[in-house]
């Protein structure tokens, strides 16, 4: 149960914007380490909740409208 709450807490920065967010911006807003945030972003991308876009060396993420997210 704790693990599910932790994963969903990483979506908080996406609730206030529809734009792509850089990995460092997400980690700064959450207050977690960059490598830990990257791990959870990969998990959320695997579940189909996030879209990933690579611009040069920057990895950007954006939330998708998903049935998993609505539930």
Protein backbone atom coordinates (compact mmCIF):
# COMPACT_ATOMS: atom_id res chain seq x y z
CA UNK A 1 0.00 0.00 0.00
CA UNK A 2 2.79 2.41 0.87
CA UNK A 3 4.49 1.77 -2.47
CA UNK A 4 1.35 2.70 -4.43
CA UNK A 5 0.97 5.95 -2.51
CA UNK A 6 4.62 6.76 -3.16
CA UNK A 7 4.31 6.17 -6.90
CA UNK A 8 1.19 8.33 -7.21
CA UNK A 9 2.78 11.15 -5.20
CA UNK A 10 5.26 11.59 -8.06
CA UNK A 11 2.42 12.79 -10.30
CA UNK A 12 1.76 15.92 -8.23
CA UNK A 13 3.77 18.36 -10.42
CA UNK A 14 1.77 17.26 -13.46
CA UNK A 15 -1.56 18.21 -11.89
CA UNK A 16 -0.93 21.92 -12.39
CA UNK A 17 0.31 21.97 -15.97
CA UNK A 18 -0.35 20.33 -19.34
CA UNK A 19 3.17 21.03 -20.63
CA UNK A 20 6.19 18.76 -20.70
CA UNK A 21 8.29 18.93 -17.53
CA UNK A 22 12.03 18.38 -17.32
CA UNK A 23 13.26 15.66 -14.97
CA UNK A 24 15.15 18.16 -12.78
CA UNK A 25 12.03 20.35 -12.43
CA UNK A 26 10.03 17.36 -11.24
CA UNK A 27 12.69 16.37 -8.71
CA UNK A 28 12.92 19.95 -7.42
CA UNK A 29 9.14 20.25 -6.96
CA UNK A 30 8.87 16.88 -5.22
CA UNK A 31 12.02 17.33 -3.15
CA UNK A 32 13.45 13.94 -4.08
CA UNK A 33 16.72 12.80 -5.58
CA UNK A 34 17.09 12.98 -9.38
CA UNK A 35 17.87 9.27 -9.78
CA UNK A 36 14.89 8.19 -7.67
CA UNK A 37 12.56 10.42 -9.69
CA UNK A 38 13.91 8.94 -12.93
CA UNK A 39 13.15 5.43 -11.65
CA UNK A 40 9.54 6.32 -10.85
CA UNK A 41 9.08 8.19 -14.14
CA UNK A 42 10.13 5.01 -15.98
CA UNK A 43 7.57 3.01 -13.99
CA UNK A 44 4.80 5.51 -14.75
CA UNK A 45 5.80 5.55 -18.42
CA UNK A 46 5.63 1.74 -18.50
CA UNK A 47 2.08 1.85 -17.11
CA UNK A 48 1.10 4.30 -19.87
CA UNK A 49 0.47 7.26 -17.57
CA UNK A 50 3.30 9.49 -18.84
CA UNK A 51 4.61 10.42 -22.26
CA UNK A 52 8.36 10.80 -22.69
CA UNK A 53 10.06 13.18 -25.10
CA UNK A 54 13.81 13.59 -25.50
CA UNK A 55 15.01 17.02 -26.62
CA UNK A 56 18.76 16.99 -27.07
CA UNK A 57 20.04 15.83 -23.69
CA UNK A 58 16.88 16.72 -21.80
CA UNK A 59 14.27 14.15 -20.90
CA UNK A 60 10.79 15.65 -20.73
CA UNK A 61 7.64 14.05 -19.35
CA UNK A 62 3.97 14.87 -19.78
CA UNK A 63 0.90 13.28 -18.24
CA UNK A 64 -1.50 11.37 -20.51
CA UNK A 65 -5.21 11.04 -20.05
CA UNK A 66 -5.43 7.41 -19.06
CA UNK A 67 -8.16 5.15 -17.63
CA UNK A 68 -5.67 4.17 -14.92
CA UNK A 69 -5.30 7.80 -13.92
CA UNK A 70 -9.06 8.41 -13.77
CA UNK A 71 -9.57 5.39 -11.50
